N, C-alpha and C. Protein backbone atom coordinates (compact mmCIF):
# COMPACT_ATOMS: atom_id res chain seq x y z
N MET A 1 0.81 -1.19 0.00
CA MET A 1 0.00 0.00 0.00
C MET A 1 0.87 1.27 0.00
N SER A 2 2.00 1.26 0.68
CA SER A 2 2.86 2.44 0.70
C SER A 2 3.49 2.70 -0.67
N THR A 3 3.71 1.65 -1.45
CA THR A 3 4.24 1.82 -2.80
C THR A 3 3.23 2.52 -3.67
N ARG A 4 1.97 2.20 -3.47
CA ARG A 4 0.89 2.86 -4.23
C ARG A 4 0.80 4.35 -3.89
N ILE A 5 0.91 4.65 -2.62
CA ILE A 5 0.84 6.05 -2.18
C ILE A 5 2.04 6.82 -2.72
N ALA A 6 3.22 6.21 -2.63
CA ALA A 6 4.42 6.89 -3.14
C ALA A 6 4.30 7.14 -4.64
N GLY A 7 3.78 6.17 -5.38
CA GLY A 7 3.58 6.35 -6.82
C GLY A 7 2.60 7.46 -7.12
N SER A 8 1.54 7.55 -6.33
CA SER A 8 0.53 8.61 -6.51
C SER A 8 1.14 9.98 -6.23
N LEU A 9 1.97 10.04 -5.18
CA LEU A 9 2.62 11.31 -4.84
C LEU A 9 3.57 11.76 -5.95
N VAL A 10 4.30 10.83 -6.53
CA VAL A 10 5.22 11.17 -7.63
C VAL A 10 4.44 11.69 -8.83
N LEU A 11 3.32 11.05 -9.15
CA LEU A 11 2.50 11.51 -10.28
C LEU A 11 1.92 12.90 -10.00
N ALA A 12 1.46 13.13 -8.76
CA ALA A 12 0.89 14.43 -8.41
C ALA A 12 1.96 15.52 -8.49
N ALA A 13 3.17 15.22 -8.00
CA ALA A 13 4.26 16.19 -8.05
C ALA A 13 4.62 16.52 -9.49
N ALA A 14 4.66 15.52 -10.36
CA ALA A 14 4.98 15.75 -11.77
C ALA A 14 3.92 16.62 -12.42
N ALA A 15 2.67 16.41 -12.08
CA ALA A 15 1.59 17.23 -12.65
C ALA A 15 1.71 18.67 -12.19
N LEU A 16 2.04 18.88 -10.92
CA LEU A 16 2.19 20.24 -10.41
C LEU A 16 3.38 20.94 -11.05
N LEU A 17 4.49 20.24 -11.23
CA LEU A 17 5.66 20.86 -11.84
C LEU A 17 5.40 21.25 -13.29
N SER A 18 4.68 20.43 -14.02
CA SER A 18 4.40 20.78 -15.42
C SER A 18 3.45 21.96 -15.49
N ALA A 19 2.59 22.13 -14.51
CA ALA A 19 1.67 23.26 -14.50
C ALA A 19 2.43 24.56 -14.26
N CYS A 20 3.54 24.51 -13.55
CA CYS A 20 4.32 25.71 -13.25
C CYS A 20 4.95 26.32 -14.49
N THR A 21 5.24 25.54 -15.49
CA THR A 21 5.90 26.07 -16.68
C THR A 21 4.96 26.93 -17.52
N ASP A 22 3.65 26.82 -17.31
CA ASP A 22 2.69 27.62 -18.07
C ASP A 22 2.28 28.89 -17.34
N ALA A 23 3.01 29.26 -16.29
CA ALA A 23 2.66 30.42 -15.49
C ALA A 23 2.74 31.69 -16.32
N LYS A 24 1.80 32.57 -16.11
CA LYS A 24 1.76 33.86 -16.80
C LYS A 24 2.33 34.93 -15.87
N PRO A 25 2.94 36.01 -16.40
CA PRO A 25 3.47 37.05 -15.54
C PRO A 25 2.33 37.77 -14.83
N PRO A 26 2.58 38.31 -13.64
CA PRO A 26 1.52 39.03 -12.93
C PRO A 26 1.05 40.24 -13.73
N ILE A 27 -0.19 40.62 -13.52
CA ILE A 27 -0.78 41.72 -14.28
C ILE A 27 -0.02 43.02 -14.06
N ASP A 28 0.51 43.24 -12.86
CA ASP A 28 1.21 44.49 -12.58
C ASP A 28 2.70 44.41 -12.87
N ALA A 29 3.11 43.41 -13.67
CA ALA A 29 4.52 43.28 -14.03
C ALA A 29 4.94 44.44 -14.93
N ALA A 30 6.23 44.74 -14.91
CA ALA A 30 6.77 45.81 -15.76
C ALA A 30 6.57 45.45 -17.22
N PRO A 31 6.41 46.44 -18.09
CA PRO A 31 6.24 46.14 -19.51
C PRO A 31 7.49 45.46 -20.06
N PRO A 32 7.30 44.59 -21.03
CA PRO A 32 8.47 43.93 -21.59
C PRO A 32 9.37 44.92 -22.29
N MET A 33 10.66 44.68 -22.18
CA MET A 33 11.62 45.56 -22.84
C MET A 33 11.61 45.27 -24.33
N ILE A 34 11.50 46.30 -25.11
CA ILE A 34 11.53 46.18 -26.56
C ILE A 34 12.91 46.62 -27.00
N ASP A 35 13.51 45.89 -27.91
CA ASP A 35 14.84 46.23 -28.37
C ASP A 35 14.73 47.45 -29.29
N SER A 36 14.62 48.61 -28.66
CA SER A 36 14.50 49.85 -29.42
C SER A 36 15.88 50.28 -29.90
N ASN A 37 15.98 50.48 -31.16
CA ASN A 37 17.24 50.86 -31.76
C ASN A 37 17.16 52.32 -32.16
N ILE A 38 17.81 53.20 -31.40
CA ILE A 38 17.70 54.64 -31.65
C ILE A 38 18.46 55.05 -32.90
N ASP A 39 19.54 54.39 -33.24
CA ASP A 39 20.35 54.79 -34.38
C ASP A 39 19.85 54.26 -35.72
N GLY A 40 19.10 53.20 -35.71
CA GLY A 40 18.60 52.61 -36.94
C GLY A 40 17.26 51.95 -36.67
N SER A 41 16.42 51.84 -37.65
CA SER A 41 15.07 51.34 -37.43
C SER A 41 14.93 49.89 -37.87
N SER A 42 14.30 49.09 -37.01
CA SER A 42 13.99 47.72 -37.39
C SER A 42 12.56 47.63 -37.92
N CYS A 43 11.80 48.74 -37.83
CA CYS A 43 10.43 48.74 -38.34
C CYS A 43 10.26 49.68 -39.53
N GLY A 44 11.35 50.29 -39.97
CA GLY A 44 11.28 51.16 -41.14
C GLY A 44 11.04 52.63 -40.83
N GLY A 45 10.96 52.97 -39.54
CA GLY A 45 10.71 54.36 -39.16
C GLY A 45 11.86 55.29 -39.47
N THR A 46 11.53 56.57 -39.63
CA THR A 46 12.55 57.57 -39.96
C THR A 46 12.62 58.71 -38.95
N ILE A 47 11.72 58.74 -37.99
CA ILE A 47 11.67 59.85 -37.02
C ILE A 47 12.58 59.55 -35.84
N ASP A 48 13.36 60.55 -35.43
CA ASP A 48 14.35 60.41 -34.36
C ASP A 48 13.71 60.39 -32.97
N TYR A 49 14.50 59.97 -32.01
CA TYR A 49 14.16 59.89 -30.59
C TYR A 49 13.64 61.23 -30.06
N LEU A 50 12.51 61.19 -29.38
CA LEU A 50 11.82 62.32 -28.75
C LEU A 50 11.29 63.36 -29.74
N GLN A 51 11.11 62.96 -31.01
CA GLN A 51 10.49 63.83 -32.00
C GLN A 51 9.03 63.40 -32.17
N ALA A 52 8.17 64.31 -32.60
CA ALA A 52 6.72 64.06 -32.73
C ALA A 52 6.42 62.91 -33.69
N CYS A 53 5.40 62.12 -33.33
CA CYS A 53 4.96 60.98 -34.15
C CYS A 53 3.47 60.72 -33.92
N THR A 54 2.90 59.84 -34.71
CA THR A 54 1.51 59.44 -34.51
C THR A 54 1.35 57.93 -34.43
N MET A 55 2.36 57.16 -34.89
CA MET A 55 2.30 55.70 -34.80
C MET A 55 3.69 55.09 -34.73
N ASN A 56 3.78 53.89 -34.14
CA ASN A 56 5.06 53.22 -33.90
C ASN A 56 5.92 53.10 -35.15
N GLU A 57 5.31 52.77 -36.28
CA GLU A 57 6.05 52.53 -37.51
C GLU A 57 6.79 53.76 -38.02
N MET A 58 6.45 54.93 -37.53
CA MET A 58 7.11 56.17 -37.94
C MET A 58 8.48 56.35 -37.27
N CYS A 59 8.67 55.71 -36.13
CA CYS A 59 9.85 55.96 -35.29
C CYS A 59 11.01 55.01 -35.59
N LYS A 60 12.22 55.55 -35.54
CA LYS A 60 13.41 54.72 -35.66
C LYS A 60 13.46 53.71 -34.52
N SER A 61 12.94 54.08 -33.35
CA SER A 61 12.92 53.19 -32.20
C SER A 61 11.73 52.24 -32.22
N CYS A 62 10.80 52.44 -33.16
CA CYS A 62 9.59 51.62 -33.29
C CYS A 62 8.63 51.79 -32.12
N VAL A 63 8.78 52.87 -31.34
CA VAL A 63 7.90 53.11 -30.19
C VAL A 63 7.45 54.57 -30.21
N CYS A 64 6.16 54.79 -30.47
CA CYS A 64 5.55 56.12 -30.43
C CYS A 64 4.63 56.14 -29.22
N GLN A 65 4.83 57.06 -28.29
CA GLN A 65 4.08 57.06 -27.04
C GLN A 65 3.50 58.43 -26.73
N ASN A 66 2.27 58.45 -26.25
CA ASN A 66 1.61 59.69 -25.84
C ASN A 66 1.90 59.96 -24.37
N PHE A 67 2.32 61.17 -24.06
CA PHE A 67 2.62 61.57 -22.70
C PHE A 67 1.66 62.65 -22.21
N GLY A 68 0.50 62.76 -22.83
CA GLY A 68 -0.50 63.75 -22.42
C GLY A 68 -0.31 65.08 -23.12
N HIS A 69 0.86 65.68 -22.98
CA HIS A 69 1.14 66.97 -23.60
C HIS A 69 1.80 66.82 -24.97
N SER A 70 2.31 65.62 -25.26
CA SER A 70 2.94 65.38 -26.56
C SER A 70 2.99 63.88 -26.85
N THR A 71 3.10 63.55 -28.14
CA THR A 71 3.27 62.17 -28.58
C THR A 71 4.58 62.12 -29.34
N VAL A 72 5.52 61.33 -28.84
CA VAL A 72 6.87 61.32 -29.40
C VAL A 72 7.41 59.91 -29.59
N CYS A 73 8.44 59.81 -30.44
CA CYS A 73 9.18 58.56 -30.58
C CYS A 73 10.03 58.41 -29.32
N THR A 74 9.97 57.26 -28.70
CA THR A 74 10.69 57.03 -27.46
C THR A 74 11.19 55.60 -27.43
N LYS A 75 11.53 55.09 -26.26
CA LYS A 75 11.94 53.70 -26.09
C LYS A 75 11.50 53.22 -24.72
N THR A 76 11.46 51.91 -24.53
CA THR A 76 11.08 51.37 -23.24
C THR A 76 12.24 51.51 -22.27
N CYS A 77 11.91 51.51 -20.97
CA CYS A 77 12.94 51.66 -19.95
C CYS A 77 12.52 50.98 -18.66
N MET A 78 13.50 50.69 -17.83
CA MET A 78 13.26 50.16 -16.49
C MET A 78 13.59 51.22 -15.45
N GLY A 79 14.36 52.22 -15.82
CA GLY A 79 14.77 53.28 -14.91
C GLY A 79 15.40 54.42 -15.69
N PRO A 80 15.70 55.54 -15.02
CA PRO A 80 16.24 56.72 -15.68
C PRO A 80 17.53 56.47 -16.45
N ALA A 81 18.35 55.51 -16.00
CA ALA A 81 19.62 55.23 -16.67
C ALA A 81 19.41 54.67 -18.07
N ASP A 82 18.22 54.13 -18.35
CA ASP A 82 17.92 53.57 -19.66
C ASP A 82 17.53 54.63 -20.69
N CYS A 83 17.38 55.88 -20.25
CA CYS A 83 16.89 56.94 -21.13
C CYS A 83 17.98 57.93 -21.51
N PRO A 84 18.39 57.91 -22.78
CA PRO A 84 19.42 58.86 -23.23
C PRO A 84 18.93 60.30 -23.16
N ALA A 85 19.87 61.24 -23.01
CA ALA A 85 19.54 62.67 -23.03
C ALA A 85 18.92 63.01 -24.37
N PRO A 86 18.01 63.91 -24.43
CA PRO A 86 17.58 64.83 -23.40
C PRO A 86 16.32 64.38 -22.66
N SER A 87 16.11 63.09 -22.49
CA SER A 87 14.92 62.58 -21.83
C SER A 87 14.78 63.11 -20.41
N GLY A 88 13.54 63.24 -19.98
CA GLY A 88 13.24 63.67 -18.61
C GLY A 88 13.17 62.50 -17.65
N GLY A 89 13.55 61.29 -18.09
CA GLY A 89 13.54 60.13 -17.21
C GLY A 89 12.60 59.05 -17.70
N CYS A 90 12.41 58.04 -16.86
CA CYS A 90 11.58 56.88 -17.18
C CYS A 90 10.25 57.01 -16.46
N SER A 91 9.17 56.88 -17.20
CA SER A 91 7.84 57.01 -16.60
C SER A 91 6.91 55.97 -17.23
N GLY A 92 6.34 55.09 -16.43
CA GLY A 92 5.43 54.08 -16.95
C GLY A 92 6.07 53.11 -17.93
N GLY A 93 7.38 52.93 -17.83
CA GLY A 93 8.09 52.00 -18.70
C GLY A 93 8.57 52.61 -20.01
N PHE A 94 8.43 53.93 -20.16
CA PHE A 94 8.87 54.62 -21.38
C PHE A 94 9.70 55.84 -21.03
N CYS A 95 10.72 56.15 -21.85
CA CYS A 95 11.51 57.36 -21.67
C CYS A 95 10.64 58.55 -22.07
N ARG A 96 10.48 59.47 -21.13
CA ARG A 96 9.60 60.62 -21.39
C ARG A 96 10.41 61.81 -21.92
N PRO A 97 9.69 62.71 -22.63
CA PRO A 97 10.37 63.91 -23.14
C PRO A 97 10.76 64.86 -22.02
């Protein structure tokens, strides 16, 4: 009987471990970092960093973001060190003007 219980426990543990690999990131997780290339565009954009835009495809960085007072080409960030000058820092996962 103990062999049966041990076998059941092994099967249950294997099922739990396989379920862990399908875990989704928490809803409040930081936005994924996009490989924004400021010097050249991977999406065909021609507008420079922190210049006005209306859609992602226009930007060399492939990221066009609205900041309330302006919509500019920017890049994703985790902190102020990720934002080249003349950015005002990192806000909401994007380098702000």
